[in-house]
């Protein structure tokens, strides 16, 4: 079982992500903002992070950069960025920050789960 950090300020999307991951056998660490996500990642060392680009406070982009730049225990953790449909330019910014994959909302749950499993397999967790 892998541990997945979810940082999403939209409660409905966060609940959906938690449900999909939980029913697929993953342990979920859910956060509503970037600051909590960064603290949780540093404390819990999840196997994968799913970060919304526009979380309040510290953005998902900033969380991704911090995970890559300042923490030897999280620098190789796969990161999947979520961005709203109208924020397509943020995907490039996500990759520049060190994200491994980006997905535009709204997304198909099957596509999301496929990408998660691919990232976990590449990192040797799945």
N, C-alpha and C. Protein backbone atom coordinates (compact mmCIF):
# COMPACT_ATOMS: atom_id res chain seq x y z
N UNK A 1 0.84 -1.18 0.00
CA UNK A 1 0.00 0.00 0.00
C UNK A 1 0.88 1.24 0.00
N UNK A 2 0.59 2.18 -0.86
CA UNK A 2 1.35 3.42 -0.92
C UNK A 2 0.60 4.53 -0.18
N UNK A 3 1.35 5.54 0.20
CA UNK A 3 0.79 6.71 0.85
C UNK A 3 0.81 7.86 -0.14
N UNK A 4 -0.36 8.49 -0.32
CA UNK A 4 -0.50 9.57 -1.29
C UNK A 4 -0.95 10.83 -0.57
N UNK A 5 -0.20 11.90 -0.78
CA UNK A 5 -0.56 13.22 -0.26
C UNK A 5 -1.44 13.91 -1.29
N UNK A 6 -2.58 14.44 -0.85
CA UNK A 6 -3.48 15.19 -1.72
C UNK A 6 -3.60 16.60 -1.16
N UNK A 7 -3.26 17.61 -1.96
CA UNK A 7 -3.43 19.01 -1.57
C UNK A 7 -4.41 19.64 -2.55
N UNK A 8 -5.62 19.85 -2.10
CA UNK A 8 -6.70 20.37 -2.95
C UNK A 8 -7.65 21.17 -2.07
N UNK A 9 -7.87 22.45 -2.42
CA UNK A 9 -8.73 23.29 -1.60
C UNK A 9 -10.22 23.09 -1.88
N UNK A 10 -10.57 22.55 -3.03
CA UNK A 10 -11.97 22.28 -3.36
C UNK A 10 -12.39 20.98 -2.66
N UNK A 11 -13.28 21.09 -1.69
CA UNK A 11 -13.66 19.94 -0.88
C UNK A 11 -14.22 18.79 -1.71
N UNK A 12 -15.04 19.10 -2.71
CA UNK A 12 -15.63 18.04 -3.55
C UNK A 12 -14.55 17.27 -4.30
N UNK A 13 -13.57 17.98 -4.84
CA UNK A 13 -12.49 17.31 -5.57
C UNK A 13 -11.60 16.55 -4.59
N UNK A 14 -11.31 17.15 -3.44
CA UNK A 14 -10.49 16.47 -2.44
C UNK A 14 -11.17 15.18 -1.98
N UNK A 15 -12.48 15.24 -1.76
CA UNK A 15 -13.22 14.04 -1.35
C UNK A 15 -13.21 12.99 -2.46
N UNK A 16 -13.35 13.42 -3.71
CA UNK A 16 -13.31 12.48 -4.84
C UNK A 16 -11.94 11.81 -4.91
N UNK A 17 -10.88 12.59 -4.83
CA UNK A 17 -9.53 12.04 -4.87
C UNK A 17 -9.31 11.05 -3.72
N UNK A 18 -9.76 11.43 -2.54
CA UNK A 18 -9.61 10.55 -1.38
C UNK A 18 -10.36 9.24 -1.60
N UNK A 19 -11.58 9.33 -2.09
CA UNK A 19 -12.38 8.13 -2.35
C UNK A 19 -11.71 7.23 -3.38
N UNK A 20 -11.28 7.81 -4.51
CA UNK A 20 -10.65 7.02 -5.57
C UNK A 20 -9.37 6.33 -5.08
N UNK A 21 -8.56 7.06 -4.36
CA UNK A 21 -7.31 6.50 -3.86
C UNK A 21 -7.55 5.45 -2.77
N UNK A 22 -8.46 5.75 -1.86
CA UNK A 22 -8.76 4.84 -0.77
C UNK A 22 -9.32 3.52 -1.29
N UNK A 23 -10.25 3.60 -2.25
CA UNK A 23 -10.84 2.37 -2.79
C UNK A 23 -9.86 1.59 -3.66
N UNK A 24 -8.76 2.23 -4.05
CA UNK A 24 -7.72 1.54 -4.81
C UNK A 24 -6.62 1.00 -3.89
N UNK A 25 -6.81 1.14 -2.59
CA UNK A 25 -5.87 0.56 -1.63
C UNK A 25 -4.76 1.48 -1.17
N UNK A 26 -4.85 2.75 -1.46
CA UNK A 26 -3.82 3.70 -1.04
C UNK A 26 -4.21 4.36 0.28
N UNK A 27 -3.22 4.72 1.06
CA UNK A 27 -3.43 5.51 2.27
C UNK A 27 -3.35 6.98 1.85
N UNK A 28 -4.35 7.78 2.23
CA UNK A 28 -4.43 9.16 1.77
C UNK A 28 -4.18 10.13 2.93
N UNK A 29 -3.34 11.12 2.64
CA UNK A 29 -3.11 12.25 3.53
C UNK A 29 -3.69 13.47 2.83
N UNK A 30 -4.86 13.93 3.25
CA UNK A 30 -5.55 15.01 2.55
C UNK A 30 -5.35 16.34 3.26
N UNK A 31 -5.04 17.38 2.46
CA UNK A 31 -4.82 18.73 2.97
C UNK A 31 -5.59 19.72 2.12
N UNK A 32 -6.01 20.82 2.75
CA UNK A 32 -6.78 21.84 2.03
C UNK A 32 -5.93 23.01 1.55
N UNK A 33 -4.65 23.06 1.95
CA UNK A 33 -3.82 24.19 1.54
C UNK A 33 -2.36 23.75 1.39
N UNK A 34 -1.59 24.58 0.76
CA UNK A 34 -0.20 24.26 0.47
C UNK A 34 0.69 24.16 1.69
N UNK A 35 0.46 25.03 2.67
CA UNK A 35 1.28 24.99 3.88
C UNK A 35 1.13 23.67 4.62
N UNK A 36 -0.11 23.23 4.76
CA UNK A 36 -0.36 21.94 5.43
C UNK A 36 0.24 20.80 4.62
N UNK A 37 0.13 20.89 3.30
CA UNK A 37 0.69 19.85 2.44
C UNK A 37 2.20 19.75 2.59
N UNK A 38 2.87 20.88 2.62
CA UNK A 38 4.32 20.88 2.76
C UNK A 38 4.74 20.31 4.13
N UNK A 39 4.06 20.73 5.18
CA UNK A 39 4.35 20.19 6.51
C UNK A 39 4.11 18.68 6.56
N UNK A 40 2.99 18.24 5.97
CA UNK A 40 2.65 16.82 5.98
C UNK A 40 3.67 16.02 5.18
N UNK A 41 4.08 16.53 4.03
CA UNK A 41 5.07 15.82 3.20
C UNK A 41 6.39 15.66 3.94
N UNK A 42 6.81 16.69 4.62
CA UNK A 42 8.08 16.62 5.35
C UNK A 42 8.00 15.69 6.56
N UNK A 43 6.82 15.62 7.17
CA UNK A 43 6.65 14.79 8.36
C UNK A 43 6.37 13.32 8.02
N UNK A 44 5.55 13.09 6.99
CA UNK A 44 5.06 11.73 6.69
C UNK A 44 5.80 11.03 5.55
N UNK A 45 6.51 11.76 4.71
CA UNK A 45 7.25 11.18 3.58
C UNK A 45 6.37 10.30 2.69
N UNK A 46 5.33 10.87 2.07
CA UNK A 46 4.45 10.06 1.22
C UNK A 46 5.17 9.54 -0.02
N UNK A 47 4.56 8.55 -0.66
CA UNK A 47 5.14 7.96 -1.87
C UNK A 47 4.84 8.79 -3.11
N UNK A 48 3.80 9.63 -3.05
CA UNK A 48 3.35 10.43 -4.19
C UNK A 48 2.61 11.63 -3.65
N UNK A 49 2.73 12.76 -4.35
CA UNK A 49 1.97 13.96 -4.00
C UNK A 49 1.11 14.38 -5.18
N UNK A 50 -0.14 14.69 -4.89
CA UNK A 50 -1.05 15.28 -5.89
C UNK A 50 -1.33 16.69 -5.39
N UNK A 51 -0.87 17.68 -6.15
CA UNK A 51 -0.95 19.07 -5.72
C UNK A 51 -1.78 19.90 -6.68
N UNK A 52 -2.78 20.59 -6.15
CA UNK A 52 -3.53 21.55 -6.95
C UNK A 52 -2.65 22.78 -7.13
N UNK A 53 -2.57 23.27 -8.35
CA UNK A 53 -1.72 24.42 -8.66
C UNK A 53 -2.07 25.62 -7.79
N UNK A 54 -3.36 25.85 -7.57
CA UNK A 54 -3.78 27.09 -6.92
C UNK A 54 -4.28 26.90 -5.49
N UNK A 55 -3.59 26.10 -4.69
CA UNK A 55 -3.98 26.00 -3.29
C UNK A 55 -3.75 27.33 -2.60
N UNK A 56 -4.58 27.64 -1.60
CA UNK A 56 -4.40 28.92 -0.90
C UNK A 56 -3.11 28.96 -0.09
N UNK A 57 -2.65 30.16 0.16
CA UNK A 57 -1.40 30.34 0.90
C UNK A 57 -0.24 29.98 0.01
N UNK A 58 0.42 28.91 0.32
CA UNK A 58 1.51 28.41 -0.50
C UNK A 58 0.89 27.62 -1.65
N UNK A 59 1.16 28.02 -2.88
CA UNK A 59 0.57 27.34 -4.04
C UNK A 59 1.18 25.95 -4.24
N UNK A 60 0.49 25.14 -5.02
CA UNK A 60 1.01 23.82 -5.36
C UNK A 60 2.36 23.91 -6.06
N UNK A 61 2.52 24.94 -6.87
CA UNK A 61 3.80 25.17 -7.57
C UNK A 61 4.91 25.39 -6.55
N UNK A 62 4.64 26.23 -5.56
CA UNK A 62 5.64 26.52 -4.53
C UNK A 62 5.93 25.29 -3.66
N UNK A 63 4.89 24.49 -3.38
CA UNK A 63 5.09 23.26 -2.62
C UNK A 63 5.99 22.31 -3.40
N UNK A 64 5.72 22.18 -4.69
CA UNK A 64 6.52 21.30 -5.53
C UNK A 64 7.99 21.74 -5.54
N UNK A 65 8.21 23.02 -5.72
CA UNK A 65 9.59 23.53 -5.70
C UNK A 65 10.28 23.24 -4.37
N UNK A 66 9.55 23.47 -3.28
CA UNK A 66 10.13 23.23 -1.95
C UNK A 66 10.46 21.75 -1.76
N UNK A 67 9.60 20.87 -2.23
CA UNK A 67 9.85 19.44 -2.10
C UNK A 67 11.08 19.03 -2.90
N UNK A 68 11.28 19.66 -4.03
CA UNK A 68 12.40 19.31 -4.91
C UNK A 68 13.72 19.92 -4.43
N UNK A 69 13.69 21.14 -3.93
CA UNK A 69 14.91 21.89 -3.66
C UNK A 69 15.49 21.71 -2.27
N UNK A 70 14.66 21.55 -1.27
CA UNK A 70 15.16 21.65 0.10
C UNK A 70 15.06 20.39 0.93
N UNK A 71 14.60 19.31 0.37
CA UNK A 71 14.39 18.14 1.21
C UNK A 71 14.88 16.88 0.52
N UNK A 72 15.97 16.34 1.00
CA UNK A 72 16.53 15.14 0.39
C UNK A 72 15.55 13.96 0.47
N UNK A 73 14.67 13.97 1.46
CA UNK A 73 13.73 12.86 1.61
C UNK A 73 12.51 12.98 0.71
N UNK A 74 12.32 14.11 0.06
CA UNK A 74 11.16 14.28 -0.83
C UNK A 74 11.54 14.67 -2.26
N UNK A 75 12.81 14.88 -2.52
CA UNK A 75 13.20 15.38 -3.83
C UNK A 75 12.90 14.41 -4.97
N UNK A 76 12.83 13.12 -4.70
CA UNK A 76 12.54 12.14 -5.74
C UNK A 76 11.10 11.64 -5.73
N UNK A 77 10.30 12.12 -4.79
CA UNK A 77 8.89 11.73 -4.70
C UNK A 77 8.15 12.21 -5.95
N UNK A 78 7.40 11.33 -6.61
CA UNK A 78 6.64 11.76 -7.78
C UNK A 78 5.58 12.80 -7.39
N UNK A 79 5.40 13.78 -8.27
CA UNK A 79 4.42 14.83 -8.05
C UNK A 79 3.53 14.94 -9.28
N UNK A 80 2.22 14.88 -9.03
CA UNK A 80 1.21 15.09 -10.08
C UNK A 80 0.52 16.40 -9.76
N UNK A 81 0.59 17.36 -10.69
CA UNK A 81 -0.06 18.65 -10.50
C UNK A 81 -1.45 18.61 -11.14
N UNK A 82 -2.42 19.21 -10.46
CA UNK A 82 -3.76 19.40 -11.00
C UNK A 82 -3.96 20.88 -11.27
N UNK A 83 -4.51 21.20 -12.42
CA UNK A 83 -4.75 22.58 -12.77
C UNK A 83 -6.14 22.72 -13.37
N UNK A 84 -6.79 23.85 -13.11
CA UNK A 84 -8.12 24.09 -13.66
C UNK A 84 -8.04 24.27 -15.16
N UNK A 85 -9.11 23.96 -15.84
CA UNK A 85 -9.17 24.02 -17.30
C UNK A 85 -8.68 25.36 -17.84
N UNK A 86 -9.03 26.44 -17.19
CA UNK A 86 -8.63 27.77 -17.67
C UNK A 86 -7.20 28.14 -17.34
N UNK A 87 -6.48 27.26 -16.69
CA UNK A 87 -5.11 27.56 -16.27
C UNK A 87 -4.09 26.69 -17.00
N UNK A 88 -4.31 26.41 -18.26
CA UNK A 88 -3.43 25.51 -19.01
C UNK A 88 -1.96 25.95 -18.95
N UNK A 89 -1.71 27.24 -18.88
CA UNK A 89 -0.33 27.70 -18.81
C UNK A 89 0.36 27.24 -17.54
N UNK A 90 -0.41 26.96 -16.51
CA UNK A 90 0.17 26.50 -15.25
C UNK A 90 0.82 25.13 -15.38
N UNK A 91 0.39 24.33 -16.34
CA UNK A 91 0.99 23.00 -16.51
C UNK A 91 2.48 23.13 -16.80
N UNK A 92 2.85 24.04 -17.69
CA UNK A 92 4.26 24.27 -17.99
C UNK A 92 5.01 24.74 -16.77
N UNK A 93 4.38 25.61 -16.00
CA UNK A 93 4.99 26.08 -14.77
C UNK A 93 5.15 24.93 -13.78
N UNK A 94 4.20 24.02 -13.77
CA UNK A 94 4.30 22.84 -12.90
C UNK A 94 5.49 21.98 -13.25
N UNK A 95 5.68 21.75 -14.55
CA UNK A 95 6.84 20.96 -14.98
C UNK A 95 8.14 21.68 -14.64
N UNK A 96 8.15 23.00 -14.82
CA UNK A 96 9.34 23.79 -14.48
C UNK A 96 9.66 23.70 -12.99
N UNK A 97 8.62 23.55 -12.17
CA UNK A 97 8.81 23.45 -10.71
C UNK A 97 9.27 22.06 -10.29
N UNK A 98 9.21 21.09 -11.22
CA UNK A 98 9.67 19.75 -10.90
C UNK A 98 8.60 18.68 -10.89
N UNK A 99 7.37 19.04 -11.31
CA UNK A 99 6.30 18.05 -11.35
C UNK A 99 6.62 16.97 -12.38
N UNK A 100 6.19 15.76 -12.09
CA UNK A 100 6.40 14.64 -13.00
C UNK A 100 5.27 14.51 -14.03
N UNK A 101 4.10 15.02 -13.69
CA UNK A 101 2.95 14.95 -14.58
C UNK A 101 1.99 16.05 -14.20
N UNK A 102 1.16 16.47 -15.15
CA UNK A 102 0.13 17.47 -14.92
C UNK A 102 -1.16 16.99 -15.55
N UNK A 103 -2.27 17.28 -14.87
CA UNK A 103 -3.58 16.87 -15.35
C UNK A 103 -4.53 18.05 -15.20
N UNK A 104 -5.30 18.32 -16.26
CA UNK A 104 -6.23 19.44 -16.27
C UNK A 104 -7.58 18.98 -15.72
N UNK A 105 -8.15 19.78 -14.82
CA UNK A 105 -9.49 19.53 -14.29
C UNK A 105 -10.51 20.16 -15.24
N UNK A 106 -11.64 19.57 -15.45
CA UNK A 106 -12.07 18.29 -14.88
C UNK A 106 -11.36 17.14 -15.57
N UNK A 107 -11.15 16.07 -14.84
CA UNK A 107 -10.44 14.91 -15.35
C UNK A 107 -11.33 13.68 -15.24
N UNK A 108 -10.99 12.68 -16.02
CA UNK A 108 -11.67 11.39 -15.92
C UNK A 108 -11.01 10.61 -14.80
N UNK A 109 -11.76 10.08 -13.86
CA UNK A 109 -11.16 9.32 -12.77
C UNK A 109 -10.25 8.19 -13.25
N UNK A 110 -10.62 7.52 -14.32
CA UNK A 110 -9.78 6.42 -14.81
C UNK A 110 -8.44 6.93 -15.32
N UNK A 111 -8.42 8.10 -15.95
CA UNK A 111 -7.16 8.67 -16.42
C UNK A 111 -6.29 9.08 -15.23
N UNK A 112 -6.90 9.68 -14.23
CA UNK A 112 -6.17 10.06 -13.03
C UNK A 112 -5.53 8.84 -12.38
N UNK A 113 -6.29 7.79 -12.19
CA UNK A 113 -5.76 6.59 -11.53
C UNK A 113 -4.67 5.93 -12.37
N UNK A 114 -4.82 5.95 -13.66
CA UNK A 114 -3.79 5.40 -14.54
C UNK A 114 -2.48 6.17 -14.38
N UNK A 115 -2.56 7.48 -14.34
CA UNK A 115 -1.36 8.30 -14.18
C UNK A 115 -0.71 8.08 -12.81
N UNK A 116 -1.54 7.96 -11.80
CA UNK A 116 -1.02 7.71 -10.44
C UNK A 116 -0.27 6.38 -10.41
N UNK A 117 -0.88 5.35 -10.93
CA UNK A 117 -0.24 4.03 -10.93
C UNK A 117 1.06 4.05 -11.74
N UNK A 118 1.07 4.76 -12.86
CA UNK A 118 2.29 4.87 -13.67
C UNK A 118 3.40 5.56 -12.88
N UNK A 119 3.07 6.66 -12.21
CA UNK A 119 4.07 7.37 -11.42
C UNK A 119 4.60 6.52 -10.27
N UNK A 120 3.73 5.78 -9.62
CA UNK A 120 4.16 4.91 -8.53
C UNK A 120 5.03 3.77 -9.04
N UNK A 121 4.67 3.21 -10.18
CA UNK A 121 5.48 2.13 -10.76
C UNK A 121 6.87 2.64 -11.13
N UNK A 122 6.93 3.82 -11.76
CA UNK A 122 8.22 4.38 -12.14
C UNK A 122 9.11 4.63 -10.93
N UNK A 123 8.49 4.98 -9.81
CA UNK A 123 9.29 5.27 -8.62
C UNK A 123 9.62 4.01 -7.82
N UNK A 124 9.09 2.87 -8.27
CA UNK A 124 9.38 1.60 -7.61
C UNK A 124 8.50 1.30 -6.42
N UNK A 125 7.41 2.04 -6.25
CA UNK A 125 6.53 1.85 -5.10
C UNK A 125 5.46 0.82 -5.40
N UNK A 126 4.88 0.88 -6.58
CA UNK A 126 3.73 -0.01 -6.91
C UNK A 126 4.21 -1.40 -7.27
